[in-house]
Protein backbone atom coordinates (compact mmCIF):
# COMPACT_ATOMS: atom_id res chain seq x y z
CA MET A 1 3.82 18.57 -9.28
CA SER A 2 6.58 16.65 -7.96
CA TYR A 3 6.09 13.09 -6.52
CA PRO A 4 8.37 11.10 -3.78
CA LEU A 5 10.81 9.37 -6.11
CA LEU A 6 11.95 6.07 -4.74
CA LYS A 7 15.29 4.29 -6.20
CA ILE A 8 16.26 0.67 -5.11
CA LYS A 9 19.18 -1.31 -6.50
CA ASN A 10 20.45 -4.85 -5.82
CA PHE A 11 17.88 -5.88 -3.22
CA GLY A 12 16.69 -9.38 -3.21
CA PRO A 13 14.53 -9.86 -6.54
CA ILE A 14 14.95 -6.11 -7.29
CA LYS A 15 18.01 -5.24 -9.54
CA ASP A 16 17.24 -1.73 -10.52
CA ILE A 17 13.89 0.13 -10.03
CA GLU A 18 13.11 3.79 -10.09
CA ILE A 19 9.44 4.92 -9.45
CA GLU A 20 7.29 7.79 -8.56
CA LEU A 21 5.02 7.40 -5.62
CA LYS A 22 1.84 8.94 -6.87
CA PRO A 23 -1.37 9.22 -4.80
CA PHE A 24 -2.42 6.14 -6.42
CA THR A 25 0.68 3.59 -7.33
CA ILE A 26 -0.03 0.13 -8.83
CA PHE A 27 2.38 -2.81 -8.96
CA ILE A 28 1.25 -5.66 -11.65
CA GLY A 29 3.38 -8.65 -12.70
CA PRO A 30 4.05 -12.51 -12.27
CA ASN A 31 4.93 -14.05 -9.16
CA SER A 32 8.14 -13.73 -7.32
CA ALA A 33 8.75 -10.38 -9.49
CA GLY A 34 9.36 -8.35 -6.58
CA LYS A 35 5.91 -6.50 -6.14
CA SER A 36 5.63 -7.31 -2.17
CA THR A 37 9.21 -6.69 -2.00
CA LEU A 38 8.68 -3.30 -3.25
CA CYS A 39 5.30 -2.48 -1.12
CA LYS A 40 7.47 -3.83 2.02
CA VAL A 41 10.47 -1.52 1.49
CA ILE A 42 8.16 1.23 0.89
CA ALA A 43 6.19 0.55 4.10
CA SER A 44 9.65 0.21 6.10
CA ILE A 45 11.07 3.50 4.87
CA SER A 46 8.00 5.55 5.17
CA ASN A 47 7.30 4.93 8.75
CA LEU A 48 8.25 8.12 10.60
CA ASN A 49 8.36 6.41 14.08
CA LYS A 50 10.96 4.19 12.74
CA HIS A 51 13.38 6.95 11.66
CA VAL A 52 13.05 8.71 14.70
CA ASN A 53 13.82 5.68 17.02
CA ILE A 54 16.82 4.82 14.63
CA ILE A 55 18.21 8.39 15.18
CA ILE A 56 17.85 8.42 18.89
CA ASN A 57 19.43 4.82 19.19
CA ALA A 58 22.34 5.76 17.02
CA ALA A 59 22.77 9.11 19.27
CA ILE A 60 22.92 6.80 22.60
CA ASN A 61 24.54 3.51 21.31
CA SER A 62 28.25 3.50 21.59
CA GLY A 63 28.53 0.95 18.69
CA SER A 64 27.10 3.78 16.15
CA SER A 65 28.77 6.78 14.61
CA ILE A 66 27.00 9.69 13.74
CA GLN A 67 28.07 12.83 11.98
CA LEU A 68 26.17 15.87 11.81
CA SER A 69 26.23 18.92 9.48
CA ASN A 70 24.00 21.86 9.09
CA LYS A 71 20.98 19.90 7.37
CA GLU A 72 22.49 16.39 7.07
CA ILE A 73 22.59 13.29 9.51
CA LYS A 74 24.84 10.50 8.68
CA ILE A 75 24.72 7.15 10.81
CA SER A 76 26.91 4.34 10.37
CA ASP A 77 25.84 1.08 12.20
CA SER A 78 26.22 -2.54 11.17
CA ASN A 79 22.56 -3.15 12.33
CA LEU A 80 20.88 -0.52 10.32
CA LYS A 81 19.48 -2.81 7.90
CA ILE A 82 18.22 -5.06 10.26
CA ASN A 83 16.41 -2.32 12.39
CA PHE A 84 14.97 -1.08 9.14
CA LEU A 85 13.73 -4.26 7.44
CA THR A 86 13.41 -6.89 10.00
CA GLU A 87 9.78 -5.98 10.50
CA PHE A 88 9.07 -7.27 7.09
CA ARG A 89 11.47 -10.36 6.98
CA ILE A 90 13.43 -8.83 4.15
CA SER A 91 16.72 -7.81 5.91
CA ASP A 92 18.44 -11.00 4.39
CA TYR A 93 18.03 -9.53 0.94
CA PHE A 94 20.41 -6.77 1.84
CA SER A 95 23.87 -6.89 0.29
CA GLU A 96 26.98 -4.61 -0.12
CA GLU A 97 25.67 -3.64 -3.23
CA THR A 98 22.26 -2.68 -2.18
CA LYS A 99 21.13 1.00 -2.49
CA ILE A 100 17.67 2.32 -1.31
CA SER A 101 16.77 6.11 -1.80
CA LEU A 102 13.70 8.03 -1.25
CA ILE A 103 13.69 11.40 -2.45
CA GLU A 104 11.08 13.96 -1.64
CA LYS A 105 10.49 17.68 -2.22
CA ASN A 106 12.34 18.71 0.81
CA SER A 107 14.20 15.82 2.21
CA LYS A 108 16.11 12.78 1.13
CA PHE A 109 16.71 9.25 2.65
CA HIS A 110 19.52 6.99 1.59
CA LEU A 111 20.53 3.45 2.93
CA GLU A 112 23.30 1.26 2.05
CA ASP A 113 25.59 -1.16 3.75
CA ASN A 114 25.97 0.12 7.42
CA LEU A 115 25.07 3.83 6.40
CA ILE A 116 21.96 6.01 6.40
CA ILE A 117 22.00 9.58 5.12
CA TYR A 118 19.32 12.05 6.01
CA SER A 119 19.23 15.47 4.29
CA PHE A 120 16.62 18.11 4.17
CA GLU A 121 15.81 21.66 3.47
CA GLU A 122 13.85 24.39 5.18
CA THR A 123 10.08 23.71 5.27
CA ASP A 124 7.11 23.51 7.26
CA ASP A 125 6.55 19.74 6.57
CA SER A 126 6.16 17.97 9.87
CA SER A 127 8.29 14.98 9.43
CA VAL A 128 11.20 17.23 8.24
CA LEU A 129 10.57 19.49 11.01
CA LEU A 130 10.85 16.59 13.51
CA LEU A 131 14.11 15.37 12.11
CA SER A 132 15.53 18.68 12.19
CA SER A 133 14.52 19.06 15.78
CA ILE A 134 16.20 16.03 16.53
CA LEU A 135 19.35 17.11 14.67
CA GLU A 136 19.45 20.32 17.01
CA ILE A 137 19.11 18.03 20.14
CA LEU A 138 21.77 15.78 18.83
CA LYS A 139 24.32 18.85 18.47
CA ASN A 140 23.61 19.72 22.22
CA THR A 141 25.37 16.91 24.18
CA GLU A 142 24.28 18.06 27.31
CA LEU A 143 20.55 18.33 26.40
CA LEU A 144 20.91 14.71 24.84
CA ASN A 145 22.06 13.53 28.16
CA ASN A 146 19.18 14.99 30.05
CA ILE A 147 16.31 14.53 27.99
CA GLN A 148 13.84 12.21 28.39
CA PHE A 149 12.67 10.39 24.88
CA ASN A 150 8.94 9.35 24.65
CA PHE A 151 8.01 8.91 21.06
CA LYS A 152 4.81 6.97 21.72
CA ILE A 153 2.85 10.16 20.81
CA LEU A 154 4.12 9.71 17.07
CA LYS A 155 1.61 8.01 14.97
CA ASP A 156 2.24 4.94 12.98
CA ASP A 157 0.20 6.09 10.29
CA ILE A 158 0.69 3.58 7.63
CA ILE A 159 -1.45 0.57 7.25
CA TYR A 160 0.02 -2.46 5.42
CA ILE A 161 -2.55 -5.02 4.69
CA PRO A 162 -0.61 -8.15 3.62
CA SER A 163 -1.73 -11.00 1.40
CA GLU A 164 -1.87 -13.44 4.47
CA ARG A 165 -4.60 -11.57 5.93
CA GLY A 166 -7.68 -13.80 5.24
CA ILE A 167 -6.73 -16.48 7.95
CA PHE A 168 -7.43 -13.97 10.68
CA THR A 169 -11.20 -13.44 10.02
CA LYS A 170 -11.84 -16.96 10.90
CA ILE A 171 -10.42 -16.49 14.61
CA LYS A 172 -12.51 -15.27 17.32
CA GLN A 173 -11.28 -12.07 18.84
CA ASP A 174 -10.82 -13.62 22.28
CA ASP A 175 -8.52 -16.30 20.57
CA TYR A 176 -6.04 -13.92 19.49
CA VAL A 177 -3.90 -14.40 22.43
CA LEU A 178 -3.09 -17.88 21.25
CA ILE A 179 -1.32 -16.66 18.19
CA ASN A 180 2.30 -16.00 18.84
CA LEU A 181 3.57 -14.31 15.75
CA SER A 182 6.31 -12.47 17.42
CA GLU A 183 8.35 -16.02 18.16
CA GLU A 184 8.56 -16.19 13.91
CA ASN A 185 9.59 -12.52 13.57
CA ASN A 186 6.36 -11.97 11.68
CA TYR A 187 6.08 -8.55 13.19
CA TYR A 188 4.43 -7.18 10.07
CA LEU A 189 1.55 -9.63 10.60
CA LEU A 190 1.57 -9.01 14.27
CA ASN A 191 1.18 -5.23 13.34
CA TYR A 192 -1.63 -6.17 10.99
CA LEU A 193 -3.53 -8.38 13.43
CA GLN A 194 -3.58 -5.62 16.25
CA LYS A 195 -4.94 -2.95 13.75
CA TYR A 196 -7.50 -5.48 12.32
CA SER A 197 -8.36 -6.41 16.11
CA ILE A 198 -8.75 -2.67 17.09
CA ALA A 199 -10.74 -1.82 13.84
CA ARG A 200 -13.33 -4.67 14.82
CA ARG A 201 -13.58 -3.66 18.48
CA GLU A 202 -13.89 0.02 17.76
CA LEU A 203 -16.07 0.08 14.49
CA LYS A 204 -18.78 -2.56 16.24
CA GLU A 205 -20.72 -2.35 12.84
CA PHE A 206 -19.95 -1.66 9.54
CA LYS A 207 -22.18 -1.49 6.36
CA SER A 208 -20.96 -0.74 2.75
CA GLU A 209 -23.79 -0.64 0.12
CA ASP A 210 -20.99 -0.47 -2.64
CA LEU A 211 -19.53 -3.74 -1.12
CA LYS A 212 -23.22 -5.24 -0.35
CA ILE A 213 -21.64 -6.43 2.87
CA SER A 214 -22.47 -5.59 6.55
CA TYR A 215 -20.45 -6.84 9.82
CA LYS A 216 -21.44 -6.66 13.36
CA TYR A 217 -18.88 -7.11 16.20
CA ASN A 218 -21.14 -8.40 19.15
CA ASP A 219 -18.49 -7.80 21.79
CA GLY A 220 -16.08 -10.15 19.75
CA SER A 221 -17.83 -13.27 21.01
CA ASN A 222 -20.33 -13.88 18.02
CA GLU A 223 -19.15 -11.70 15.22
CA GLU A 224 -21.45 -11.70 12.34
CA PHE A 225 -21.87 -10.80 8.43
CA SER A 226 -24.47 -10.33 5.91
CA TYR A 227 -23.86 -10.43 2.12
CA SER A 228 -26.39 -9.23 -0.21
CA SER A 229 -29.26 -9.75 2.00
CA ASN A 230 -30.80 -8.95 5.59
CA ASP A 231 -29.64 -12.47 6.95
CA TYR A 232 -26.51 -12.55 9.29
CA PHE A 233 -24.15 -15.62 9.90
CA PRO A 234 -21.15 -15.96 11.87
CA THR A 235 -18.14 -14.76 10.37
CA TYR A 236 -16.38 -18.41 10.81
CA LEU A 237 -18.61 -19.46 8.38
CA ALA A 238 -17.90 -16.74 5.69
CA SER A 239 -16.56 -17.84 2.37
CA SER A 240 -12.93 -17.00 1.52
CA GLY A 241 -14.21 -13.99 -0.67
CA ILE A 242 -16.00 -12.40 2.02
CA ARG A 243 -13.28 -13.08 4.65
CA ASN A 244 -10.81 -11.04 2.16
CA ILE A 245 -13.26 -8.37 1.90
CA LEU A 246 -13.83 -8.03 5.71
CA SER A 247 -10.02 -8.24 6.14
CA MET A 248 -9.42 -5.32 3.95
CA ALA A 249 -12.29 -3.09 4.42
CA LEU A 250 -12.55 -3.33 8.37
CA PRO A 251 -9.21 -1.47 8.89
CA ILE A 252 -9.41 0.80 5.87
CA GLU A 253 -12.81 1.84 7.28
CA HIS A 254 -11.48 2.17 10.68
CA ALA A 255 -8.60 4.47 9.39
CA ALA A 256 -10.95 6.66 7.52
CA ARG A 257 -13.06 7.41 10.49
CA LYS A 258 -10.28 8.12 12.71
CA ASN A 259 -8.34 10.39 10.09
CA ASN A 260 -4.94 9.19 11.12
CA THR A 261 -3.56 7.37 8.32
CA SER A 262 -1.42 8.73 5.57
CA THR A 263 -0.66 5.74 3.54
CA ILE A 264 -2.47 2.41 2.78
CA ILE A 265 -0.29 -0.53 1.22
CA LEU A 266 -2.33 -3.41 0.12
CA GLU A 267 -1.40 -6.54 -1.30
CA GLU A 268 -3.20 -8.43 -3.90
CA PRO A 269 -6.83 -7.21 -3.07
CA GLU A 270 -8.11 -9.58 -5.79
CA ILE A 271 -7.59 -12.86 -3.73
CA SER A 272 -10.80 -15.02 -3.61
CA LEU A 273 -12.70 -12.27 -5.44
CA TYR A 274 -14.92 -12.47 -8.70
CA PRO A 275 -14.08 -9.91 -11.06
CA ASP A 276 -17.17 -8.03 -10.34
CA ASN A 277 -16.13 -7.90 -6.64
CA GLN A 278 -12.61 -6.85 -7.52
CA PHE A 279 -14.39 -3.94 -9.51
CA GLU A 280 -16.58 -2.98 -6.75
CA PHE A 281 -13.70 -3.07 -3.96
CA ILE A 282 -11.47 -0.74 -5.93
CA LYS A 283 -14.10 1.69 -6.45
CA TYR A 284 -14.76 1.62 -2.53
CA LEU A 285 -11.04 2.05 -1.81
CA ILE A 286 -10.73 5.06 -4.62
CA LYS A 287 -13.97 6.72 -2.83
CA THR A 288 -12.41 6.19 0.72
CA LYS A 289 -9.33 7.76 -0.36
CA ASN A 290 -11.05 10.71 -2.07
CA THR A 291 -13.27 11.32 1.00
CA THR A 292 -10.75 11.13 3.76
CA LYS A 293 -8.29 14.20 4.22
CA ASN A 294 -5.39 12.68 5.69
CA ILE A 295 -4.97 9.76 3.11
CA ASN A 296 -2.08 10.70 0.71
CA HIS A 297 -1.26 7.50 -0.82
CA ILE A 298 -2.67 4.11 -1.84
CA ILE A 299 -0.21 1.46 -3.06
CA VAL A 300 -1.35 -1.77 -4.41
CA SER A 301 0.16 -4.84 -5.72
CA THR A 302 -1.59 -7.24 -7.84
CA HIS A 303 -1.74 -9.83 -10.39
CA SER A 304 -5.05 -8.93 -11.74
CA THR A 305 -5.93 -6.99 -14.94
CA ASP A 306 -9.27 -6.37 -13.59
CA VAL A 307 -7.99 -4.28 -10.67
CA LEU A 308 -5.51 -2.37 -12.87
CA GLY A 309 -8.37 -1.76 -15.43
CA THR A 310 -11.02 -0.32 -12.52
CA PHE A 311 -8.18 2.05 -11.50
CA SER A 312 -7.79 3.06 -15.17
CA ILE A 313 -11.48 3.35 -16.06
CA SER A 314 -11.54 5.85 -12.83
CA ALA A 315 -8.77 8.11 -14.06
CA TYR A 316 -9.71 7.98 -17.78
CA ALA A 317 -13.23 8.80 -17.08
CA GLY A 318 -12.12 11.73 -14.89
CA TYR A 319 -9.84 12.96 -17.34
CA LEU A 320 -12.42 12.91 -20.05
CA LEU A 321 -15.13 14.78 -18.11
CA LYS A 322 -12.55 17.47 -17.66
CA LYS A 323 -11.52 17.71 -21.34
CA TYR A 324 -14.78 17.27 -23.18
CA PRO A 325 -17.57 18.92 -21.17
CA ASN A 326 -19.84 18.50 -24.20
CA LEU A 327 -19.73 14.72 -23.29
CA ASN A 328 -20.65 14.86 -19.69
CA ASP A 329 -24.07 13.73 -20.20
CA ASP A 330 -22.94 10.63 -22.23
CA ILE A 331 -20.07 9.98 -19.83
CA LEU A 332 -22.07 9.97 -16.85
CA ARG A 333 -24.66 7.75 -18.29
CA ILE A 334 -22.15 5.14 -18.85
CA LEU A 335 -20.76 5.53 -15.45
CA SER A 336 -23.80 5.36 -13.87
CA ASP A 337 -24.61 1.97 -15.08
CA LEU A 338 -21.23 1.27 -13.31
CA LYS A 339 -22.51 2.95 -10.31
CA PHE A 340 -19.78 5.58 -10.55
CA ASP A 341 -20.01 8.93 -9.05
CA ASP A 342 -17.79 11.81 -8.80
CA LYS A 343 -16.17 10.42 -5.56
CA CYS A 344 -14.85 7.36 -7.47
CA LEU A 345 -12.94 9.30 -10.02
CA ILE A 346 -9.28 9.87 -10.13
CA ASN A 347 -7.16 12.80 -11.50
CA ASN A 348 -5.11 11.10 -14.24
CA GLU A 349 -2.00 12.55 -12.90
CA ASP A 350 -2.48 11.31 -9.75
CA LEU A 351 -2.24 7.39 -10.92
CA VAL A 352 0.66 5.45 -12.13
CA ALA A 353 0.94 1.65 -12.67
CA TYR A 354 4.34 -0.26 -13.09
CA TYR A 355 4.84 -3.70 -14.80
CA VAL A 356 7.29 -5.62 -12.55
CA LYS A 357 9.32 -8.15 -13.86
CA ASP A 358 12.90 -9.62 -13.79
CA GLY A 359 14.18 -7.02 -11.23
CA THR A 360 12.92 -3.80 -13.12
CA CYS A 361 9.85 -2.19 -13.99
CA HIS A 362 8.36 0.30 -16.26
CA LYS A 363 5.25 2.28 -16.48
CA ILE A 364 2.33 0.70 -18.49
CA LEU A 365 -0.38 3.28 -18.80
CA ILE A 366 -0.40 5.44 -21.74
CA ASP A 367 -1.07 9.38 -20.90
CA GLU A 368 -3.71 11.62 -22.06
CA ASP A 369 -6.18 10.73 -24.74
CA ASN A 370 -5.20 6.96 -24.74
CA PHE A 371 -4.89 6.89 -20.99
CA LEU A 372 -7.03 3.72 -20.68
CA ALA A 373 -4.80 1.73 -22.70
CA ILE A 374 -2.21 -0.60 -21.34
CA ASP A 375 1.07 0.10 -23.10
CA ASP A 376 2.62 -3.16 -22.41
CA GLU A 377 2.60 -5.90 -25.13
CA GLU A 378 3.63 -8.69 -22.85
CA LEU A 379 0.99 -7.87 -20.24
CA LEU A 380 -1.59 -7.67 -23.01
CA LYS A 381 -0.77 -11.07 -24.24
CA VAL A 382 -1.27 -12.53 -20.68
CA SER A 383 -4.35 -10.83 -20.17
CA ASN A 384 -5.77 -12.05 -23.37
CA PHE A 385 -4.46 -15.64 -23.39
CA THR A 386 -7.54 -17.61 -22.82
CA GLY A 387 -9.49 -15.54 -25.03
CA ARG A 388 -6.81 -16.08 -27.95
CA ILE A 389 -6.71 -19.80 -27.35
CA ILE A 390 -10.52 -20.18 -27.50
CA ASN A 391 -10.39 -18.25 -30.78
CA GLU A 392 -7.92 -20.50 -32.34
CA LEU A 393 -9.88 -23.54 -31.15
CA TYR A 394 -13.01 -22.12 -32.61
CA GLU A 395 -11.42 -21.17 -35.77
CA LEU A 396 -9.97 -24.70 -36.00
CA ALA A 397 -13.49 -26.26 -35.52
CA SER A 398 -15.01 -23.78 -37.93
CA LYS A 399 -12.68 -24.89 -40.74
CA ASN A 400 -13.21 -28.59 -40.03
CA ASN A 401 -16.87 -28.01 -40.33
CA GLN A 402 -16.74 -26.53 -43.65
């Protein structure tokens, strides 16, 4: 099976990266390595609504140059990078050497300095068909001059959950009008805040046995939560960990119920969470994707090997169940202790993890029989750092006592 291929060169902290976007794609690495930048680029160029608006604006804007061929659109405009990347405040990373490409089965998108190229093949893919239709419209100047473009019906079907999300759970619904994020060009935070606000209002109540958490909207005037009990408290009293869970779970649950989201991009799910809670939340995330028809991609950036490990367990267990039917009872016994069921399992071919550092990245999970292992010496060294130091201190003390 072929997966979308993303190539980025010379963009901010990213020097040269080539990655497959599988149904579950994980980025892990040190701070300022480029993980969040990767997520923001993916969110920017995966937004179909944005592509449509850019094509239409280029067609009616005298400052743009547009070239059409049978199955290709070339747009030249000095504002292209701003139009694409300003939402996530990363347009300043763009340079004359920057190149960004997304290659899919039936289409290709390429962005470099002042130039966008769309090319596509005949297909029944809805997004490609839409761009093809726009191409036909652009070829007909008379039609272009008379048609009324209204693309509000197109779905913004990506949920981007930023690392800054937790603060919004401390603010009452009615007080959101006091926040003016647009003045600071924090449009991606504004977009998340809007989706989070809608999720709270339309869900009204949310309960997850996996996460041990319940939530009540109460018309937004007195939102409440409970955790591991039947006692409810105002959400403004919630711990940072509970706020983090709510800020992720509510928009994800709303998207799952509405069935109108294709991609969830999540930054640092581990924020303020104990390792057990990280494990349970990733299980919830996997189960949500596996039980929701339209969610095609889960993309996660993290610093946590516990987050990565949970994805690995899910994929490895699923792989072993298929390969060794004679071990099914033993495997299911181990999984039952972790409260895993078949909805928490991943096809191992649908998971990829990349270690991001120094502007590049490489895959870090070994395939097939050793799938659970992290094939990266540096990452293993980091994850085992405290244990290694404690062992050295213990051995030192033991020698002194002899």
